[in-house]
Amino acid sequence: MSEENMKQVEEVVLPPAGSLLLSTSPHVHQGESITTIMLKVLICLMPAIVASICMFGLNALLVLLYCTAFCTVFEYLWNLLLKQPQTVKDLSAVLTGVILAMNLPATVPWWICLIGSFVAIIIAKQIFGGLGQNPFNPAAVARVALLIGFAGPMTEWINPMQGFATTSEFTTGATPLGTAQMAAGTEKALTTFESLESADALMQSFVGNVGGSLGETSALAILLGGIGLIVFRLIKWQIPFAIIGTTMLFTWLVSTVNPTLTPGALFHVCSGGLMLGAFFMATDMVTSPITHRGAFIYGVMIGLITCVIRIWGAYPDGVSFAIVIMNALVPLIDRICYKRPFGWSPASASALQMRRNEVK
């Protein structure tokens, strides 16, 4: 720096403390801390956590504890090995572990929880730079990887039961989505779909008295938590609204055109991981679009991909696959749906482009 510039810097006088300052953007706003946000999301997950433990007993609690502990340990060890500040206290690893557990059956062995936690924390999060820089939802990536690599343990569903039961007391059975997929296109399709769409069957799915992953059973519990997320203003309501609305519309159209292909809209909303994915996974602040219009487009596409996989794919439920696919397209959606500067108009944009061309 030259002597003249040094003198100019020395002559700079700071305004008195407490004075009113006017300046151009960007402005820094102090909002809620990461820990506070994560804690609120965990509170909103409590209805689903309690419902899963009530339905699947001690095994559900063990899966939750395994995933939470493993995710926290991997987060701690990564920061320790790279000699960077610890981020365990911000509860992001704890939240990832809980959401991962909600995507697993109650009878998965501990080593499945270990592998899933490694994929979620190390591969899907820390390798990309940690919280705020991961392009994909960690829990969704882990679930997809486990489904592909360990299809057997990941698709062994137990029937729900009250209280803390032992493993020997569990009986396995197909999920409603699995039953619908096996019957689709067969002679028994209409009869099977009719039973799955009965008032009693839909109510059982809504309250969680069906087989499935910990967070895929009780749509009611997830809905209560989702309302909490909206009340706390932690998510964009356009995302779950678009996902659920698109799924209902698409499945209603398909079932109307071909009643033997898939059950109706209410069945798909109450079954599987649609509610969990719509409220707690697709709405991740880091991996979802920043604009309201982009969030709506993002939600619509997740709903469409989910329906395509459920109806014509190899897996009964495709929510996690849809979320991971659309996470990859979020930068493109943000680029298309970016906010226009204040005062922008097509005429002003054309004039600016003309001036740029003249300069060139």
Protein backbone atom coordinates (compact mmCIF):
# COMPACT_ATOMS: atom_id res chain seq x y z
CA MET A 1 0.00 0.00 0.00
CA SER A 2 1.39 3.42 -0.99
CA GLU A 3 2.06 6.22 1.51
CA GLU A 4 -0.82 8.23 0.03
CA ASN A 5 -3.27 5.39 0.58
CA MET A 6 -1.94 4.87 4.10
CA LYS A 7 -2.64 8.51 4.90
CA GLN A 8 -6.18 8.18 3.54
CA VAL A 9 -6.79 5.15 5.75
CA GLU A 10 -5.47 6.96 8.81
CA GLU A 11 -7.78 9.89 8.11
CA VAL A 12 -10.88 7.65 8.20
CA VAL A 13 -12.99 8.54 11.23
CA LEU A 14 -15.47 6.00 12.54
CA PRO A 15 -18.95 7.27 13.50
CA PRO A 16 -19.76 7.58 17.18
CA ALA A 17 -21.19 4.48 18.84
CA GLY A 18 -24.98 4.26 18.79
CA SER A 19 -25.41 6.60 15.82
CA LEU A 20 -27.81 5.82 12.99
CA LEU A 21 -26.00 4.59 9.88
CA LEU A 22 -27.33 4.40 6.33
CA SER A 23 -25.54 2.12 3.91
CA THR A 24 -26.09 0.09 0.77
CA SER A 25 -26.71 -3.64 0.76
CA PRO A 26 -25.80 -6.35 1.58
CA HIS A 27 -26.97 -6.09 5.18
CA VAL A 28 -26.33 -8.76 7.77
CA HIS A 29 -29.33 -9.93 9.79
CA GLN A 30 -28.90 -11.97 12.95
CA GLY A 31 -31.46 -14.76 13.05
CA GLU A 32 -31.84 -17.97 14.99
CA SER A 33 -28.75 -20.04 15.65
CA ILE A 34 -28.23 -23.40 13.98
CA THR A 35 -28.65 -25.13 17.33
CA THR A 36 -32.02 -23.45 17.92
CA ILE A 37 -33.26 -24.40 14.46
CA MET A 38 -32.17 -28.02 14.85
CA LEU A 39 -33.75 -28.21 18.29
CA LYS A 40 -37.08 -26.95 16.96
CA VAL A 41 -37.04 -29.53 14.17
CA LEU A 42 -36.30 -32.26 16.71
CA ILE A 43 -39.24 -31.06 18.80
CA CYS A 44 -41.47 -31.26 15.73
CA LEU A 45 -40.26 -34.84 15.18
CA MET A 46 -41.29 -35.90 18.68
CA PRO A 47 -44.84 -36.99 17.73
CA ALA A 48 -43.41 -39.34 15.09
CA ILE A 49 -40.72 -40.60 17.47
CA VAL A 50 -43.26 -41.37 20.19
CA ALA A 51 -45.61 -43.03 17.67
CA SER A 52 -42.84 -45.27 16.31
CA ILE A 53 -41.83 -46.42 19.80
CA CYS A 54 -45.45 -47.10 20.75
CA MET A 55 -46.02 -49.10 17.57
CA PHE A 56 -42.75 -51.03 17.32
CA GLY A 57 -41.51 -51.11 20.89
CA LEU A 58 -37.95 -51.32 22.16
CA ASN A 59 -36.43 -52.13 18.78
CA ALA A 60 -37.58 -48.78 17.43
CA LEU A 61 -35.94 -47.01 20.36
CA LEU A 62 -32.70 -48.91 19.76
CA VAL A 63 -32.62 -47.95 16.08
CA LEU A 64 -33.11 -44.29 17.04
CA LEU A 65 -30.33 -44.46 19.62
CA TYR A 66 -27.94 -46.30 17.28
CA CYS A 67 -28.37 -43.86 14.39
CA THR A 68 -28.16 -40.79 16.61
CA ALA A 69 -25.05 -42.03 18.41
CA PHE A 70 -23.26 -43.19 15.24
CA CYS A 71 -23.97 -39.93 13.39
CA THR A 72 -22.71 -37.89 16.34
CA VAL A 73 -19.53 -39.98 16.66
CA PHE A 74 -18.75 -39.75 12.93
CA GLU A 75 -19.25 -35.97 13.04
CA TYR A 76 -16.92 -35.69 16.03
CA LEU A 77 -14.21 -37.94 14.54
CA TRP A 78 -14.24 -36.12 11.19
CA ASN A 79 -13.70 -32.75 12.84
CA LEU A 80 -11.06 -34.26 15.12
CA LEU A 81 -9.08 -35.82 12.26
CA LEU A 82 -9.22 -32.66 10.15
CA LYS A 83 -8.39 -30.48 13.17
CA GLN A 84 -11.33 -28.18 12.61
CA PRO A 85 -13.86 -26.74 15.08
CA GLN A 86 -16.29 -29.27 16.49
CA THR A 87 -19.86 -29.00 15.19
CA VAL A 88 -21.45 -31.69 17.37
CA LYS A 89 -23.08 -29.12 19.63
CA ASP A 90 -25.13 -27.59 16.80
CA LEU A 91 -27.31 -30.77 16.85
CA SER A 92 -27.22 -31.15 13.06
CA ALA A 93 -25.68 -34.64 13.37
CA VAL A 94 -28.30 -35.59 15.96
CA LEU A 95 -31.10 -34.47 13.64
CA THR A 96 -29.57 -36.40 10.73
CA GLY A 97 -29.41 -39.52 12.90
CA VAL A 98 -33.05 -39.21 13.96
CA ILE A 99 -34.30 -38.69 10.40
CA LEU A 100 -32.16 -41.59 9.19
CA ALA A 101 -33.67 -43.81 11.88
CA MET A 102 -37.14 -42.78 10.81
CA ASN A 103 -36.28 -44.17 7.36
CA LEU A 104 -35.29 -47.62 8.68
CA PRO A 105 -37.34 -50.66 9.74
CA ALA A 106 -37.42 -51.41 13.45
CA THR A 107 -35.58 -54.72 13.08
CA VAL A 108 -32.49 -53.61 11.14
CA PRO A 109 -29.24 -54.77 12.79
CA TRP A 110 -26.92 -52.25 14.40
CA TRP A 111 -24.39 -52.47 11.58
CA ILE A 112 -26.99 -51.21 9.09
CA CYS A 113 -27.39 -48.15 11.32
CA LEU A 114 -23.59 -47.80 11.38
CA ILE A 115 -23.22 -47.94 7.60
CA GLY A 116 -26.16 -45.61 7.05
CA SER A 117 -24.74 -43.09 9.53
CA PHE A 118 -21.35 -43.20 7.79
CA VAL A 119 -22.94 -42.56 4.41
CA ALA A 120 -25.10 -39.73 5.77
CA ILE A 121 -22.43 -37.86 7.74
CA ILE A 122 -19.17 -38.58 5.91
CA ILE A 123 -20.14 -39.20 2.28
CA ALA A 124 -23.25 -37.05 1.89
CA LYS A 125 -22.26 -34.19 4.21
CA GLN A 126 -18.66 -33.76 5.35
CA ILE A 127 -16.94 -34.61 2.08
CA PHE A 128 -18.75 -31.67 0.49
CA GLY A 129 -17.62 -29.28 3.22
CA GLY A 130 -20.03 -29.88 6.07
CA LEU A 131 -23.32 -28.31 7.04
CA GLY A 132 -24.49 -25.71 4.56
CA GLN A 133 -22.44 -27.04 1.65
CA ASN A 134 -23.91 -30.50 1.09
CA PRO A 135 -25.94 -30.64 -2.15
CA PHE A 136 -27.97 -33.71 -1.14
CA ASN A 137 -30.09 -34.49 1.90
CA PRO A 138 -27.85 -36.80 3.99
CA ALA A 139 -30.65 -39.01 5.31
CA ALA A 140 -32.14 -39.47 1.83
CA VAL A 141 -28.75 -40.42 0.38
CA ALA A 142 -28.20 -42.94 3.18
CA ARG A 143 -31.62 -44.52 2.70
CA VAL A 144 -31.11 -44.85 -1.06
CA ALA A 145 -27.67 -46.41 -0.54
CA LEU A 146 -28.99 -48.88 2.03
CA LEU A 147 -31.96 -49.85 -0.15
CA ILE A 148 -29.65 -50.60 -3.06
CA GLY A 149 -26.93 -52.32 -1.05
CA PHE A 150 -28.98 -54.16 1.58
CA ALA A 151 -32.42 -54.73 0.11
CA GLY A 152 -33.15 -57.70 2.39
CA PRO A 153 -32.83 -56.08 5.84
CA MET A 154 -34.23 -52.80 4.51
CA THR A 155 -37.46 -54.40 3.29
CA GLU A 156 -38.24 -56.67 6.24
CA TRP A 157 -41.27 -55.00 7.78
CA ILE A 158 -42.73 -55.93 11.13
CA ASN A 159 -46.37 -55.67 12.10
CA PRO A 160 -47.04 -52.94 14.65
CA MET A 161 -47.78 -53.82 18.24
CA GLN A 162 -48.27 -51.94 21.48
CA GLY A 163 -45.65 -51.69 24.20
CA PHE A 164 -42.09 -52.97 24.42
CA ALA A 165 -42.03 -56.33 22.72
CA THR A 166 -39.07 -58.63 22.20
CA THR A 167 -37.70 -59.54 18.80
CA SER A 168 -39.07 -63.08 19.01
CA GLU A 169 -42.60 -61.71 19.30
CA PHE A 170 -42.42 -59.80 16.03
CA THR A 171 -44.26 -61.02 12.97
CA THR A 172 -43.39 -59.70 9.54
CA GLY A 173 -45.76 -58.59 6.81
CA ALA A 174 -45.99 -56.49 3.69
CA THR A 175 -46.55 -52.74 3.82
CA PRO A 176 -49.70 -51.32 2.18
CA LEU A 177 -47.58 -49.99 -0.68
CA GLY A 178 -45.93 -53.38 -1.13
CA THR A 179 -49.31 -55.11 -1.15
CA ALA A 180 -50.59 -52.66 -3.76
CA GLN A 181 -47.53 -53.12 -5.96
CA MET A 182 -47.79 -56.93 -5.90
CA ALA A 183 -51.48 -56.81 -6.82
CA ALA A 184 -51.17 -54.17 -9.55
CA GLY A 185 -52.15 -55.43 -12.99
CA THR A 186 -53.43 -58.78 -11.73
CA GLU A 187 -56.93 -60.22 -11.46
CA LYS A 188 -56.94 -59.48 -7.73
CA ALA A 189 -56.07 -55.82 -8.22
CA LEU A 190 -59.56 -54.37 -7.82
CA THR A 191 -60.34 -56.49 -4.78
CA THR A 192 -57.01 -55.70 -3.13
CA PHE A 193 -57.26 -51.98 -3.87
CA GLU A 194 -60.79 -51.89 -2.54
CA SER A 195 -59.66 -53.35 0.78
CA LEU A 196 -56.66 -50.99 0.96
CA GLU A 197 -58.89 -48.00 0.32
CA SER A 198 -61.59 -48.90 2.79
CA ALA A 199 -62.32 -46.39 5.52
CA ASP A 200 -60.86 -48.65 8.20
CA ALA A 201 -57.67 -49.40 6.23
CA LEU A 202 -57.08 -45.70 5.47
CA MET A 203 -57.60 -44.81 9.12
CA GLN A 204 -55.13 -47.50 10.22
CA SER A 205 -52.54 -46.08 7.80
CA PHE A 206 -53.26 -42.53 8.93
CA VAL A 207 -52.72 -43.26 12.62
CA GLY A 208 -49.79 -45.63 12.01
CA ASN A 209 -51.15 -49.09 12.74
CA VAL A 210 -49.45 -50.62 9.70
CA GLY A 211 -46.03 -52.04 8.85
CA GLY A 212 -43.22 -49.89 7.52
CA SER A 213 -40.23 -47.83 8.56
CA LEU A 214 -40.35 -45.92 11.83
CA GLY A 215 -41.44 -42.67 10.20
CA GLU A 216 -43.48 -44.13 7.37
CA THR A 217 -46.38 -45.43 9.40
CA SER A 218 -48.18 -42.61 11.24
CA ALA A 219 -49.15 -39.91 8.77
CA LEU A 220 -50.96 -38.19 11.64
CA ALA A 221 -47.80 -37.88 13.74
CA ILE A 222 -45.81 -36.52 10.79
CA LEU A 223 -48.59 -34.07 9.96
CA LEU A 224 -48.60 -32.72 13.51
CA GLY A 225 -44.85 -32.18 13.31
CA GLY A 226 -45.16 -30.64 9.86
CA ILE A 227 -47.65 -28.10 11.15
CA GLY A 228 -45.12 -27.24 13.84
CA LEU A 229 -42.44 -26.65 11.19
CA ILE A 230 -44.72 -24.25 9.37
CA VAL A 231 -45.69 -22.45 12.59
CA PHE A 232 -42.00 -22.05 13.50
CA ARG A 233 -41.34 -20.84 9.92
CA LEU A 234 -38.61 -23.40 9.45
CA ILE A 235 -39.76 -24.62 6.03
CA LYS A 236 -41.37 -23.27 2.88
CA TRP A 237 -44.96 -24.50 2.93
CA GLN A 238 -44.93 -24.62 -0.88
CA ILE A 239 -42.75 -27.75 -0.85
CA PRO A 240 -44.97 -30.15 1.15
CA PHE A 241 -48.08 -28.60 -0.43
CA ALA A 242 -46.74 -29.23 -3.94
CA ILE A 243 -45.49 -32.75 -3.15
CA ILE A 244 -48.70 -33.94 -1.53
CA GLY A 245 -50.97 -32.13 -4.00
CA THR A 246 -49.11 -33.45 -7.05
CA THR A 247 -49.13 -36.99 -5.68
CA MET A 248 -52.86 -36.85 -5.02
CA LEU A 249 -53.66 -35.43 -8.45
CA PHE A 250 -51.39 -37.79 -10.38
CA THR A 251 -52.50 -40.97 -8.60
CA TRP A 252 -56.15 -39.96 -8.90
CA LEU A 253 -55.76 -39.51 -12.68
CA VAL A 254 -53.93 -42.83 -13.12
CA SER A 255 -56.39 -44.79 -10.96
CA THR A 256 -59.31 -43.20 -12.81
CA VAL A 257 -57.91 -44.15 -16.21
CA ASN A 258 -56.79 -47.63 -15.11
CA PRO A 259 -58.29 -48.79 -11.78
CA THR A 260 -56.16 -51.96 -11.79
CA LEU A 261 -52.85 -50.08 -11.90
CA THR A 262 -52.77 -48.28 -8.56
CA PRO A 263 -55.05 -47.30 -5.65
CA GLY A 264 -56.43 -43.79 -5.30
CA ALA A 265 -55.07 -40.53 -3.95
CA LEU A 266 -55.88 -40.90 -0.24
CA PHE A 267 -54.13 -44.26 -0.09
CA HIS A 268 -50.89 -42.81 -1.47
CA VAL A 269 -50.94 -39.85 0.90
CA CYS A 270 -51.47 -41.99 4.00
CA SER A 271 -49.03 -44.75 2.99
CA GLY A 272 -45.25 -44.93 2.82
CA GLY A 273 -42.80 -42.13 3.44
CA LEU A 274 -44.59 -39.38 1.52
CA MET A 275 -45.45 -37.30 4.59
CA LEU A 276 -42.01 -37.75 6.17
CA GLY A 277 -40.25 -36.82 2.96
CA ALA A 278 -42.54 -33.90 2.20
CA PHE A 279 -42.20 -32.20 5.59
CA PHE A 280 -38.82 -33.26 7.03
CA MET A 281 -36.52 -34.25 4.15
CA ALA A 282 -37.41 -32.35 1.00
CA THR A 283 -37.66 -29.09 2.97
CA ASP A 284 -34.04 -29.14 4.13
CA MET A 285 -32.87 -25.51 4.03
CA VAL A 286 -29.54 -26.38 2.45
CA THR A 287 -30.75 -28.69 -0.32
CA SER A 288 -34.03 -27.01 -1.34
CA PRO A 289 -34.63 -23.95 -3.59
CA ILE A 290 -34.39 -20.47 -2.09
CA THR A 291 -37.36 -18.90 -3.88
CA HIS A 292 -41.05 -19.64 -3.37
CA ARG A 293 -41.61 -20.31 -7.06
CA GLY A 294 -38.59 -22.60 -7.16
CA ALA A 295 -39.85 -24.42 -4.07
CA PHE A 296 -43.18 -25.09 -5.76
CA ILE A 297 -41.54 -26.43 -8.93
CA TYR A 298 -39.21 -28.54 -6.80
CA GLY A 299 -42.15 -30.01 -4.87
CA VAL A 300 -44.15 -30.77 -7.99
CA MET A 301 -41.25 -32.67 -9.55
CA ILE A 302 -40.66 -34.69 -6.38
CA GLY A 303 -44.34 -35.64 -6.36
CA LEU A 304 -44.23 -36.70 -10.01
CA ILE A 305 -41.06 -38.78 -9.65
CA THR A 306 -42.43 -40.42 -6.51
CA CYS A 307 -45.61 -41.43 -8.34
CA VAL A 308 -43.71 -42.79 -11.34
CA ILE A 309 -41.51 -44.97 -9.10
CA ARG A 310 -44.43 -46.15 -6.98
CA ILE A 311 -46.58 -47.12 -9.96
CA TRP A 312 -44.05 -48.33 -12.52
CA GLY A 313 -40.77 -48.68 -10.62
CA ALA A 314 -39.11 -51.58 -8.85
CA TYR A 315 -39.51 -50.09 -5.37
CA PRO A 316 -42.90 -49.68 -3.67
CA ASP A 317 -41.92 -46.23 -2.38
CA GLY A 318 -39.78 -43.71 -4.26
CA VAL A 319 -39.78 -40.62 -2.06
CA SER A 320 -36.08 -40.76 -1.13
CA PHE A 321 -35.05 -41.39 -4.73
CA ALA A 322 -37.15 -38.44 -5.87
CA ILE A 323 -35.64 -36.13 -3.24
CA VAL A 324 -32.05 -37.06 -4.17
CA ILE A 325 -32.76 -36.56 -7.89
CA MET A 326 -34.33 -33.16 -7.33
CA ASN A 327 -31.56 -32.10 -4.90
CA ALA A 328 -29.21 -32.38 -7.87
CA LEU A 329 -31.43 -30.02 -9.87
CA VAL A 330 -31.84 -27.36 -7.17
CA PRO A 331 -29.01 -25.13 -8.54
CA LEU A 332 -30.73 -25.14 -11.95
CA ILE A 333 -34.10 -24.31 -10.38
CA ASP A 334 -32.53 -21.45 -8.39
CA ARG A 335 -30.92 -20.12 -11.55
CA ILE A 336 -34.22 -20.15 -13.43
CA CYS A 337 -36.28 -18.75 -10.56
CA TYR A 338 -33.88 -16.14 -9.20
CA LYS A 339 -35.41 -12.97 -7.81
CA ARG A 340 -35.35 -9.90 -10.08
CA PRO A 341 -33.62 -6.78 -8.72
CA PHE A 342 -35.87 -3.96 -7.49
CA GLY A 343 -36.92 -1.80 -10.45
CA TRP A 344 -36.14 -4.48 -13.03
CA SER A 345 -38.18 -4.54 -16.22
CA PRO A 346 -37.73 -6.14 -19.65
CA ALA A 347 -37.06 -2.69 -21.12
CA SER A 348 -34.36 -1.86 -18.58
CA ALA A 349 -32.78 -5.26 -19.09
CA SER A 350 -32.70 -4.75 -22.87
CA ALA A 351 -31.20 -1.28 -22.49
CA LEU A 352 -28.51 -2.63 -20.14
CA GLN A 353 -27.63 -5.39 -22.61
CA MET A 354 -27.37 -2.84 -25.44
CA ARG A 355 -24.96 -0.71 -23.40
CA ARG A 356 -22.87 -3.79 -22.65
CA ASN A 357 -22.71 -4.61 -26.37
CA GLU A 358 -21.63 -1.05 -27.17
CA VAL A 359 -18.81 -1.26 -24.63
CA LYS A 360 -17.60 -4.50 -26.19
